[in-house]
Structure formats: C-alpha cells, structure tokens
Amino acid sequence: MVANMWSGSKVRLRPVIPSDWKYFHNNDQDSESARLCDSIYFPRSEDRTKSWAEHTSTKPSEDDNVFLAIETLDGTLVGSINANSCNPRNGTFKYGVAIFREHWRQGYASEAIRILLRYYFEELRYHKVNAYVYAFNDGSRALQEHLGFVQEGILREMIFTQGKHYDEYVYGQTRVEFEKVNLI
C-alpha cells in the first residue's frame, strides 16, 4: 500500500466535490456551530449551496491558500479545513477547521490539522502557523492547547454575536514546536 500524506489513521483531506453540497447545506442550518466557526449568515438556498460546491470543486488554489474537505477513511464527509493568509516570504499562514456537530470530539479535527500542518511545514517550508479562536469557543481553545499551540495574544472585543462583543485569542505554533509535539 502506498502512503498518502493527505491521509491519517482516521481521516483524509481532499478537494470539495459537487455532491458535498448537501452536507455543507445541512451544516449551514446549525447556527450555534456557525457562530463558533465564523458568523451566522443569511440563509442560503439549496441552489446557492450547490453552486458554491460546484465552484469550490473547480476553483484552483490561490497561491498556497486552500480549502479542503475532511472525510473519514470510509468516505463520510465530516467537515472542512483551510489554510489562508499564506505568506511564503515570511513563512507564515493561518488555518481554520470546522467539523460537523455530529462528528465532534472523535479526533477528526486534530488529525486533519496535523496533516495540514505537516504538509505546510515539511513540503512548503513554512515556519509558523496561527489560529484565531473566539473567547466563547472553549472546545477550540482546548484543541489548540492540546495540539501544542501557544496563546500569543488577545484581541479585545473583536467579535460581535448574541448582542455583545467578545475577545478573540491568537494562538501560534512554529515548525520546531510542531516537530516536538508530533515527534517527527
């Protein structure tokens, strides 16, 4: 069997495909999950979600910025992960991950993050990654710390939801820190 760097023991990362639209559309109905990951947006029609999935499936990555689906090894779509704000000159990037609620706390996010970071550190020569986490997202804060990220700062009152402003925490990890935690 050939080892694929985009696969782990639980999940693989792959491009979004048009038929993924129904899973993302269903996830769009979970307002609390949307609040934890980003923002609650206006409702999107099925046709618009289909169009988004079609566009995303054919859109080339921009520089090193990428949006990928996370699926289990048996082919169940469980969420998505992205790398953004990639700056090869400075060797820095950010990432975000979203797991559909019914798949929370099964180790899918942590494995997907490790797969993505390994690629960026070992193949693209990036040096540091940052993650931005809303103060009210206790699960994501715990995940960052479990993965060995260090809280580097607090952006005060950056996020507005549920009628008030919340802080946003900045977490960071260098390649050396990643290697120590992941024993590579």
N, C-alpha and C. Protein backbone atom coordinates (compact mmCIF):
# COMPACT_ATOMS: atom_id res chain seq x y z
N MET A 1 0.84 -1.19 0.00
CA MET A 1 0.00 0.00 0.00
C MET A 1 0.88 1.25 0.00
N VAL A 2 0.55 2.22 -0.82
CA VAL A 2 1.30 3.47 -0.93
C VAL A 2 0.80 4.44 0.14
N ALA A 3 1.71 5.03 0.88
CA ALA A 3 1.35 6.02 1.88
C ALA A 3 0.94 7.32 1.19
N ASN A 4 -0.14 7.91 1.65
CA ASN A 4 -0.62 9.17 1.12
C ASN A 4 -0.54 10.21 2.23
N MET A 5 0.23 11.26 2.01
CA MET A 5 0.42 12.24 3.07
C MET A 5 -0.85 13.00 3.44
N TRP A 6 -1.89 12.88 2.64
CA TRP A 6 -3.15 13.56 2.93
C TRP A 6 -4.09 12.68 3.75
N SER A 7 -3.63 11.49 4.15
CA SER A 7 -4.44 10.57 4.96
C SER A 7 -3.76 10.29 6.28
N GLY A 8 -4.59 10.09 7.30
CA GLY A 8 -4.11 9.69 8.61
C GLY A 8 -4.76 8.37 8.98
N SER A 9 -4.85 8.10 10.25
CA SER A 9 -5.47 6.85 10.70
C SER A 9 -6.98 6.96 10.80
N LYS A 10 -7.52 8.21 10.79
CA LYS A 10 -8.96 8.42 10.91
C LYS A 10 -9.57 9.15 9.71
N VAL A 11 -8.82 10.14 9.19
CA VAL A 11 -9.37 10.99 8.13
C VAL A 11 -8.39 11.19 6.99
N ARG A 12 -8.94 11.68 5.89
CA ARG A 12 -8.13 12.13 4.76
C ARG A 12 -8.64 13.52 4.38
N LEU A 13 -7.75 14.31 3.79
CA LEU A 13 -8.12 15.62 3.26
C LEU A 13 -8.21 15.48 1.75
N ARG A 14 -9.24 16.10 1.18
CA ARG A 14 -9.45 16.02 -0.26
C ARG A 14 -10.15 17.29 -0.73
N PRO A 15 -10.16 17.50 -2.04
CA PRO A 15 -10.91 18.66 -2.56
C PRO A 15 -12.41 18.49 -2.32
N VAL A 16 -13.10 19.59 -2.25
CA VAL A 16 -14.57 19.56 -2.22
C VAL A 16 -15.04 19.06 -3.58
N ILE A 17 -16.07 18.23 -3.59
CA ILE A 17 -16.68 17.76 -4.84
C ILE A 17 -18.13 18.25 -4.88
N PRO A 18 -18.70 18.39 -6.07
CA PRO A 18 -20.05 18.95 -6.17
C PRO A 18 -21.09 18.25 -5.29
N SER A 19 -21.00 16.93 -5.14
CA SER A 19 -22.00 16.21 -4.35
C SER A 19 -21.89 16.49 -2.84
N ASP A 20 -20.86 17.19 -2.41
CA ASP A 20 -20.73 17.55 -1.00
C ASP A 20 -21.74 18.61 -0.58
N TRP A 21 -22.37 19.26 -1.55
CA TRP A 21 -23.22 20.39 -1.25
C TRP A 21 -24.24 20.08 -0.15
N LYS A 22 -24.85 18.91 -0.17
CA LYS A 22 -25.93 18.61 0.78
C LYS A 22 -25.43 18.55 2.21
N TYR A 23 -24.19 18.11 2.43
CA TYR A 23 -23.62 18.05 3.78
C TYR A 23 -23.31 19.46 4.30
N PHE A 24 -22.76 20.29 3.41
CA PHE A 24 -22.48 21.68 3.80
C PHE A 24 -23.79 22.44 4.02
N HIS A 25 -24.78 22.17 3.18
CA HIS A 25 -26.08 22.85 3.34
C HIS A 25 -26.72 22.45 4.67
N ASN A 26 -26.67 21.18 5.00
CA ASN A 26 -27.22 20.71 6.28
C ASN A 26 -26.46 21.37 7.44
N ASN A 27 -25.16 21.47 7.32
CA ASN A 27 -24.37 22.11 8.37
C ASN A 27 -24.71 23.59 8.51
N ASP A 28 -25.07 24.24 7.40
CA ASP A 28 -25.45 25.66 7.45
C ASP A 28 -26.66 25.90 8.36
N GLN A 29 -27.45 24.87 8.60
CA GLN A 29 -28.65 25.02 9.43
C GLN A 29 -28.31 25.05 10.93
N ASP A 30 -27.09 24.72 11.29
CA ASP A 30 -26.65 24.68 12.69
C ASP A 30 -26.06 26.05 13.05
N SER A 31 -26.91 26.94 13.53
CA SER A 31 -26.48 28.31 13.82
C SER A 31 -25.41 28.38 14.91
N GLU A 32 -25.53 27.57 15.92
CA GLU A 32 -24.54 27.61 17.01
C GLU A 32 -23.16 27.17 16.51
N SER A 33 -23.12 26.16 15.68
CA SER A 33 -21.85 25.72 15.10
C SER A 33 -21.27 26.82 14.22
N ALA A 34 -22.13 27.49 13.44
CA ALA A 34 -21.68 28.59 12.59
C ALA A 34 -21.08 29.71 13.43
N ARG A 35 -21.73 30.02 14.55
CA ARG A 35 -21.23 31.07 15.44
C ARG A 35 -19.84 30.72 15.97
N LEU A 36 -19.61 29.47 16.31
CA LEU A 36 -18.31 29.05 16.85
C LEU A 36 -17.19 29.13 15.82
N CYS A 37 -17.52 28.89 14.55
CA CYS A 37 -16.50 28.85 13.49
C CYS A 37 -16.29 30.19 12.82
N ASP A 38 -17.35 30.96 12.68
CA ASP A 38 -17.24 32.18 11.88
C ASP A 38 -18.34 33.14 12.31
N SER A 39 -19.44 33.13 11.57
CA SER A 39 -20.58 34.01 11.83
C SER A 39 -21.85 33.32 11.36
N ILE A 40 -22.96 33.78 11.87
CA ILE A 40 -24.25 33.31 11.37
C ILE A 40 -24.62 34.21 10.19
N TYR A 41 -24.77 33.59 9.04
CA TYR A 41 -25.07 34.34 7.82
C TYR A 41 -26.55 34.20 7.48
N PHE A 42 -26.99 35.00 6.51
CA PHE A 42 -28.35 34.86 6.00
C PHE A 42 -28.53 33.46 5.44
N PRO A 43 -29.74 32.93 5.47
CA PRO A 43 -29.96 31.58 4.91
C PRO A 43 -29.55 31.52 3.44
N ARG A 44 -29.06 30.35 3.04
CA ARG A 44 -28.62 30.12 1.66
C ARG A 44 -29.51 29.04 1.08
N SER A 45 -29.96 29.23 -0.13
CA SER A 45 -30.81 28.24 -0.80
C SER A 45 -30.00 27.01 -1.17
N GLU A 46 -30.70 25.91 -1.42
CA GLU A 46 -30.02 24.70 -1.88
C GLU A 46 -29.28 24.98 -3.18
N ASP A 47 -29.92 25.72 -4.09
CA ASP A 47 -29.26 26.02 -5.37
C ASP A 47 -27.97 26.82 -5.17
N ARG A 48 -27.99 27.76 -4.23
CA ARG A 48 -26.77 28.52 -3.97
C ARG A 48 -25.68 27.65 -3.36
N THR A 49 -26.07 26.73 -2.48
CA THR A 49 -25.09 25.83 -1.89
C THR A 49 -24.52 24.90 -2.97
N LYS A 50 -25.38 24.42 -3.87
CA LYS A 50 -24.90 23.59 -4.98
C LYS A 50 -23.92 24.38 -5.84
N SER A 51 -24.25 25.63 -6.12
CA SER A 51 -23.38 26.48 -6.93
C SER A 51 -22.03 26.69 -6.22
N TRP A 52 -22.08 26.92 -4.91
CA TRP A 52 -20.84 27.10 -4.13
C TRP A 52 -19.98 25.84 -4.22
N ALA A 53 -20.58 24.67 -4.03
CA ALA A 53 -19.82 23.41 -4.07
C ALA A 53 -19.23 23.19 -5.46
N GLU A 54 -19.99 23.47 -6.49
CA GLU A 54 -19.50 23.32 -7.87
C GLU A 54 -18.32 24.26 -8.10
N HIS A 55 -18.48 25.51 -7.71
CA HIS A 55 -17.41 26.50 -7.89
C HIS A 55 -16.16 26.09 -7.09
N THR A 56 -16.36 25.70 -5.85
CA THR A 56 -15.24 25.32 -4.99
C THR A 56 -14.51 24.10 -5.54
N SER A 57 -15.26 23.18 -6.13
CA SER A 57 -14.64 21.96 -6.66
C SER A 57 -13.77 22.22 -7.88
N THR A 58 -14.03 23.29 -8.60
CA THR A 58 -13.27 23.58 -9.82
C THR A 58 -12.30 24.75 -9.65
N LYS A 59 -12.40 25.45 -8.53
CA LYS A 59 -11.56 26.62 -8.30
C LYS A 59 -10.14 26.18 -7.94
N PRO A 60 -9.14 26.69 -8.65
CA PRO A 60 -7.76 26.35 -8.28
C PRO A 60 -7.38 27.06 -6.98
N SER A 61 -6.45 26.48 -6.24
CA SER A 61 -6.00 27.15 -5.02
C SER A 61 -5.27 28.43 -5.43
N GLU A 62 -5.36 29.43 -4.58
CA GLU A 62 -4.71 30.70 -4.83
C GLU A 62 -3.42 30.73 -4.01
N ASP A 63 -2.30 30.73 -4.72
CA ASP A 63 -1.00 30.61 -4.07
C ASP A 63 -1.04 29.36 -3.19
N ASP A 64 -0.78 29.49 -1.90
CA ASP A 64 -0.83 28.33 -1.03
C ASP A 64 -2.11 28.27 -0.20
N ASN A 65 -3.04 29.18 -0.44
CA ASN A 65 -4.33 29.18 0.24
C ASN A 65 -5.18 28.05 -0.32
N VAL A 66 -5.81 27.27 0.57
CA VAL A 66 -6.57 26.12 0.10
C VAL A 66 -7.76 25.86 1.03
N PHE A 67 -8.82 25.30 0.48
CA PHE A 67 -9.99 24.87 1.23
C PHE A 67 -10.22 23.40 0.89
N LEU A 68 -10.19 22.54 1.90
CA LEU A 68 -10.30 21.10 1.69
C LEU A 68 -11.41 20.48 2.52
N ALA A 69 -11.98 19.40 2.00
CA ALA A 69 -12.96 18.62 2.76
C ALA A 69 -12.21 17.64 3.65
N ILE A 70 -12.82 17.32 4.78
CA ILE A 70 -12.29 16.29 5.67
C ILE A 70 -13.27 15.13 5.63
N GLU A 71 -12.79 13.95 5.29
CA GLU A 71 -13.66 12.78 5.29
C GLU A 71 -12.99 11.65 6.04
N THR A 72 -13.81 10.78 6.61
CA THR A 72 -13.28 9.60 7.27
C THR A 72 -12.73 8.65 6.21
N LEU A 73 -11.98 7.68 6.64
CA LEU A 73 -11.39 6.73 5.68
C LEU A 73 -12.44 5.89 4.99
N ASP A 74 -13.66 5.82 5.56
CA ASP A 74 -14.75 5.10 4.87
C ASP A 74 -15.56 6.02 3.97
N GLY A 75 -15.13 7.28 3.83
CA GLY A 75 -15.76 8.20 2.88
C GLY A 75 -16.85 9.09 3.43
N THR A 76 -17.03 9.18 4.73
CA THR A 76 -18.04 10.06 5.33
C THR A 76 -17.46 11.46 5.47
N LEU A 77 -18.12 12.45 4.86
CA LEU A 77 -17.70 13.84 4.98
C LEU A 77 -18.00 14.32 6.40
N VAL A 78 -16.97 14.84 7.10
CA VAL A 78 -17.16 15.25 8.50
C VAL A 78 -16.85 16.73 8.73
N GLY A 79 -16.34 17.44 7.72
CA GLY A 79 -16.05 18.84 7.91
C GLY A 79 -15.11 19.39 6.86
N SER A 80 -14.45 20.49 7.21
CA SER A 80 -13.55 21.14 6.26
C SER A 80 -12.40 21.80 7.02
N ILE A 81 -11.34 22.07 6.28
CA ILE A 81 -10.17 22.74 6.83
C ILE A 81 -9.61 23.65 5.75
N ASN A 82 -9.02 24.77 6.16
CA ASN A 82 -8.43 25.66 5.17
C ASN A 82 -7.14 26.24 5.69
N ALA A 83 -6.29 26.61 4.77
CA ALA A 83 -5.09 27.40 5.05
C ALA A 83 -5.30 28.72 4.33
N ASN A 84 -5.04 29.81 5.03
CA ASN A 84 -5.28 31.13 4.44
C ASN A 84 -4.23 32.12 4.91
N SER A 85 -4.24 33.28 4.32
CA SER A 85 -3.26 34.33 4.65
C SER A 85 -1.83 33.79 4.55
N CYS A 86 -1.59 32.95 3.56
CA CYS A 86 -0.28 32.33 3.38
C CYS A 86 0.73 33.36 2.88
N ASN A 87 1.84 33.46 3.58
CA ASN A 87 2.88 34.41 3.22
C ASN A 87 4.21 33.66 3.12
N PRO A 88 4.54 33.18 1.92
CA PRO A 88 5.77 32.39 1.78
C PRO A 88 7.03 33.19 2.08
N ARG A 89 7.01 34.48 1.88
CA ARG A 89 8.19 35.30 2.17
C ARG A 89 8.54 35.24 3.65
N ASN A 90 7.53 35.37 4.50
CA ASN A 90 7.76 35.32 5.95
C ASN A 90 7.60 33.91 6.51
N GLY A 91 7.04 33.01 5.71
CA GLY A 91 6.86 31.64 6.17
C GLY A 91 5.73 31.47 7.17
N THR A 92 4.68 32.29 7.04
CA THR A 92 3.57 32.24 7.98
C THR A 92 2.25 31.99 7.27
N PHE A 93 1.32 31.37 7.99
CA PHE A 93 -0.03 31.16 7.47
C PHE A 93 -0.98 30.98 8.64
N LYS A 94 -2.26 31.00 8.33
CA LYS A 94 -3.32 30.76 9.31
C LYS A 94 -4.11 29.55 8.85
N TYR A 95 -4.82 28.94 9.76
CA TYR A 95 -5.69 27.84 9.36
C TYR A 95 -7.00 27.95 10.12
N GLY A 96 -8.02 27.31 9.57
CA GLY A 96 -9.30 27.18 10.24
C GLY A 96 -9.85 25.79 9.98
N VAL A 97 -10.59 25.27 10.93
CA VAL A 97 -11.18 23.94 10.79
C VAL A 97 -12.61 23.98 11.28
N ALA A 98 -13.47 23.21 10.64
CA ALA A 98 -14.87 23.09 11.06
C ALA A 98 -15.29 21.64 10.91
N ILE A 99 -15.77 21.07 11.99
CA ILE A 99 -16.27 19.70 11.99
C ILE A 99 -17.78 19.76 12.21
N PHE A 100 -18.53 19.02 11.41
CA PHE A 100 -19.98 18.98 11.57
C PHE A 100 -20.32 18.42 12.95
N ARG A 101 -21.31 19.01 13.61
CA ARG A 101 -21.62 18.73 15.00
C ARG A 101 -21.71 17.24 15.34
N GLU A 102 -22.33 16.44 14.48
CA GLU A 102 -22.50 15.02 14.80
C GLU A 102 -21.17 14.25 14.83
N HIS A 103 -20.08 14.92 14.42
CA HIS A 103 -18.77 14.27 14.40
C HIS A 103 -17.78 14.91 15.37
N TRP A 104 -18.27 15.79 16.24
CA TRP A 104 -17.40 16.44 17.21
C TRP A 104 -16.80 15.41 18.17
N ARG A 105 -15.63 15.73 18.66
CA ARG A 105 -14.94 15.00 19.73
C ARG A 105 -14.62 13.54 19.40
N GLN A 106 -14.26 13.33 18.12
CA GLN A 106 -13.86 12.00 17.69
C GLN A 106 -12.42 11.99 17.17
N GLY A 107 -11.72 13.10 17.36
CA GLY A 107 -10.33 13.18 16.94
C GLY A 107 -10.12 13.59 15.49
N TYR A 108 -11.21 13.89 14.78
CA TYR A 108 -11.09 14.23 13.37
C TYR A 108 -10.39 15.58 13.15
N ALA A 109 -10.75 16.57 13.95
CA ALA A 109 -10.13 17.90 13.78
C ALA A 109 -8.64 17.85 14.05
N SER A 110 -8.25 17.23 15.16
CA SER A 110 -6.82 17.23 15.49
C SER A 110 -6.00 16.50 14.44
N GLU A 111 -6.52 15.39 13.91
CA GLU A 111 -5.76 14.68 12.88
C GLU A 111 -5.71 15.49 11.58
N ALA A 112 -6.81 16.11 11.20
CA ALA A 112 -6.82 16.92 9.98
C ALA A 112 -5.83 18.09 10.10
N ILE A 113 -5.79 18.71 11.27
CA ILE A 113 -4.85 19.82 11.49
C ILE A 113 -3.42 19.34 11.37
N ARG A 114 -3.10 18.22 11.99
CA ARG A 114 -1.74 17.68 11.91
C ARG A 114 -1.34 17.37 10.46
N ILE A 115 -2.27 16.81 9.70
CA ILE A 115 -1.98 16.50 8.29
C ILE A 115 -1.66 17.79 7.53
N LEU A 116 -2.51 18.81 7.71
CA LEU A 116 -2.31 20.09 7.02
C LEU A 116 -0.99 20.74 7.44
N LEU A 117 -0.73 20.79 8.74
CA LEU A 117 0.49 21.44 9.22
C LEU A 117 1.73 20.70 8.76
N ARG A 118 1.69 19.39 8.79
CA ARG A 118 2.85 18.61 8.32
C ARG A 118 3.18 18.99 6.87
N TYR A 119 2.15 19.08 6.03
CA TYR A 119 2.38 19.45 4.63
C TYR A 119 3.00 20.84 4.52
N TYR A 120 2.44 21.81 5.21
CA TYR A 120 2.94 23.19 5.10
C TYR A 120 4.35 23.33 5.67
N PHE A 121 4.64 22.63 6.76
CA PHE A 121 5.97 22.71 7.34
C PHE A 121 7.00 21.90 6.58
N GLU A 122 6.65 20.69 6.17
CA GLU A 122 7.64 19.80 5.55
C GLU A 122 7.76 19.94 4.04
N GLU A 123 6.70 20.35 3.37
CA GLU A 123 6.74 20.42 1.91
C GLU A 123 6.82 21.84 1.36
N LEU A 124 6.24 22.79 2.07
CA LEU A 124 6.21 24.16 1.55
C LEU A 124 7.15 25.11 2.30
N ARG A 125 7.87 24.59 3.28
CA ARG A 125 8.87 25.35 4.03
C ARG A 125 8.29 26.49 4.86
N TYR A 126 7.05 26.39 5.27
CA TYR A 126 6.51 27.41 6.17
C TYR A 126 7.12 27.21 7.55
N HIS A 127 7.16 28.30 8.30
CA HIS A 127 7.82 28.30 9.61
C HIS A 127 6.84 28.41 10.78
N LYS A 128 5.69 29.08 10.56
CA LYS A 128 4.79 29.35 11.67
C LYS A 128 3.35 29.40 11.21
N VAL A 129 2.48 28.90 12.06
CA VAL A 129 1.04 28.92 11.81
C VAL A 129 0.35 29.63 12.97
N ASN A 130 -0.73 30.35 12.65
CA ASN A 130 -1.57 30.98 13.66
C ASN A 130 -3.00 30.52 13.52
N ALA A 131 -3.69 30.47 14.63
CA ALA A 131 -5.12 30.16 14.66
C ALA A 131 -5.80 31.21 15.52
N TYR A 132 -6.93 31.69 15.07
CA TYR A 132 -7.70 32.69 15.80
C TYR A 132 -8.95 32.01 16.35
N VAL A 133 -9.18 32.17 17.65
CA VAL A 133 -10.25 31.45 18.33
C VAL A 133 -11.08 32.44 19.14
N TYR A 134 -12.39 32.35 19.01
CA TYR A 134 -13.29 33.22 19.77
C TYR A 134 -13.25 32.82 21.24
N ALA A 135 -13.29 33.79 22.13
CA ALA A 135 -13.17 33.54 23.57
C ALA A 135 -14.24 32.58 24.08
N PHE A 136 -15.41 32.58 23.47
CA PHE A 136 -16.50 31.71 23.93
C PHE A 136 -16.43 30.30 23.37
N ASN A 137 -15.44 30.01 22.52
CA ASN A 137 -15.32 28.69 21.91
C ASN A 137 -14.34 27.83 22.73
N ASP A 138 -14.83 27.32 23.84
CA ASP A 138 -13.98 26.55 24.76
C ASP A 138 -13.40 25.30 24.09
N GLY A 139 -14.17 24.64 23.23
CA GLY A 139 -13.68 23.44 22.56
C GLY A 139 -12.49 23.73 21.66
N SER A 140 -12.56 24.81 20.91
CA SER A 140 -11.46 25.16 20.01
C SER A 140 -10.24 25.62 20.81
N ARG A 141 -10.44 26.34 21.88
CA ARG A 141 -9.31 26.74 22.72
C ARG A 141 -8.60 25.51 23.27
N ALA A 142 -9.37 24.55 23.75
CA ALA A 142 -8.78 23.31 24.29
C ALA A 142 -8.05 22.54 23.19
N LEU A 143 -8.61 22.52 21.99
CA LEU A 143 -7.98 21.83 20.86
C LEU A 143 -6.61 22.44 20.54
N GLN A 144 -6.55 23.77 20.46
CA GLN A 144 -5.28 24.43 20.16
C GLN A 144 -4.22 24.06 21.20
N GLU A 145 -4.61 24.11 22.45
CA GLU A 145 -3.67 23.81 23.53
C GLU A 145 -3.26 22.33 23.51
N HIS A 146 -4.21 21.45 23.20
CA HIS A 146 -3.90 20.01 23.08
C HIS A 146 -2.87 19.77 21.97
N LEU A 147 -2.95 20.54 20.90
CA LEU A 147 -2.04 20.39 19.77
C LEU A 147 -0.70 21.09 19.99
N GLY A 148 -0.52 21.73 21.14
CA GLY A 148 0.74 22.37 21.45
C GLY A 148 0.86 23.81 21.00
N PHE A 149 -0.25 24.42 20.61
CA PHE A 149 -0.22 25.84 20.26
C PHE A 149 -0.07 26.68 21.53
N VAL A 150 0.53 27.84 21.38
CA VAL A 150 0.74 28.76 22.49
C VAL A 150 -0.16 29.97 22.28
N GLN A 151 -0.87 30.37 23.33
CA GLN A 151 -1.67 31.59 23.21
C GLN A 151 -0.71 32.77 23.22
N GLU A 152 -0.76 33.54 22.13
CA GLU A 152 0.19 34.64 21.95
C GLU A 152 -0.42 36.00 22.21
N GLY A 153 -1.73 36.08 22.19
CA GLY A 153 -2.34 37.38 22.39
C GLY A 153 -3.84 37.31 22.47
N ILE A 154 -4.40 38.44 22.85
CA ILE A 154 -5.85 38.59 22.93
C ILE A 154 -6.21 39.86 22.18
N LEU A 155 -7.09 39.71 21.21
CA LEU A 155 -7.64 40.87 20.50
C LEU A 155 -8.96 41.18 21.21
N ARG A 156 -8.97 42.28 21.91
CA ARG A 156 -10.10 42.60 22.76
C ARG A 156 -11.34 43.01 21.96
N GLU A 157 -12.47 42.47 22.36
CA GLU A 157 -13.79 42.84 21.83
C GLU A 157 -13.84 42.89 20.30
N MET A 158 -13.35 41.83 19.67
CA MET A 158 -13.27 41.76 18.21
C MET A 158 -14.48 41.12 17.55
N ILE A 159 -15.21 40.29 18.28
CA ILE A 159 -16.29 39.51 17.70
C ILE A 159 -17.61 39.95 18.31
N PHE A 160 -18.58 40.26 17.45
CA PHE A 160 -19.91 40.65 17.92
C PHE A 160 -20.90 39.55 17.59
N THR A 161 -21.52 39.00 18.62
CA THR A 161 -22.57 37.99 18.43
C THR A 161 -23.41 37.95 19.70
N GLN A 162 -24.62 37.52 19.59
CA GLN A 162 -25.55 37.42 20.71
C GLN A 162 -25.66 38.74 21.48
N GLY A 163 -25.56 39.84 20.74
CA GLY A 163 -25.78 41.16 21.34
C GLY A 163 -24.63 41.77 22.10
N LYS A 164 -23.44 41.15 22.05
CA LYS A 164 -22.30 41.77 22.73
C LYS A 164 -20.99 41.40 22.04
N HIS A 165 -19.93 42.08 22.44
CA HIS A 165 -18.60 41.85 21.88
C HIS A 165 -17.81 40.86 22.74
N TYR A 166 -17.01 40.05 22.05
CA TYR A 166 -16.16 39.05 22.71
C TYR A 166 -14.72 39.22 22.23
N ASP A 167 -13.81 38.74 23.06
CA ASP A 167 -12.39 38.74 22.68
C ASP A 167 -12.12 37.63 21.69
N GLU A 168 -11.01 37.78 20.98
CA GLU A 168 -10.52 36.74 20.08
C GLU A 168 -9.09 36.42 20.50
N TYR A 169 -8.80 35.14 20.67
CA TYR A 169 -7.47 34.70 21.11
C TYR A 169 -6.64 34.31 19.89
N VAL A 170 -5.38 34.69 19.93
CA VAL A 170 -4.44 34.35 18.87
C VAL A 170 -3.52 33.25 19.42
N TYR A 171 -3.52 32.12 18.72
CA TYR A 171 -2.65 31.00 19.06
C TYR A 171 -1.61 30.85 17.96
N GLY A 172 -0.42 30.41 18.31
CA GLY A 172 0.62 30.21 17.32
C GLY A 172 1.44 28.96 17.61
N GLN A 173 2.04 28.46 16.54
CA GLN A 173 2.94 27.31 16.67
C GLN A 173 3.98 27.40 15.58
N THR A 174 5.25 27.24 15.95
CA THR A 174 6.33 27.21 14.98
C THR A 174 6.54 25.77 14.51
N ARG A 175 7.30 25.65 13.46
CA ARG A 175 7.61 24.30 12.96
C ARG A 175 8.36 23.49 14.01
N VAL A 176 9.31 24.10 14.70
CA VAL A 176 10.06 23.39 15.73
C VAL A 176 9.13 22.89 16.83
N GLU A 177 8.18 23.74 17.25
CA GLU A 177 7.22 23.33 18.28
C GLU A 177 6.35 22.19 17.77
N PHE A 178 5.93 22.27 16.52
CA PHE A 178 5.14 21.20 15.91
C PHE A 178 5.91 19.88 15.92
N GLU A 179 7.18 19.93 15.53
CA GLU A 179 8.00 18.73 15.49
C GLU A 179 8.17 18.11 16.86
N LYS A 180 8.32 18.93 17.90
CA LYS A 180 8.47 18.40 19.26
C LYS A 180 7.20 17.70 19.73
N VAL A 181 6.05 18.31 19.47
CA VAL A 181 4.78 17.73 19.89
C VAL A 181 4.42 16.49 19.09
N ASN A 182 4.76 16.49 17.81
CA ASN A 182 4.36 15.39 16.92
C ASN A 182 5.48 14.38 16.66
N LEU A 183 6.61 14.57 17.31
CA LEU A 183 7.72 13.61 17.25
C LEU A 183 8.10 13.20 15.82
N ILE A 184 8.33 14.20 14.99
CA ILE A 184 8.76 13.91 13.61
C ILE A 184 10.19 14.35 13.39
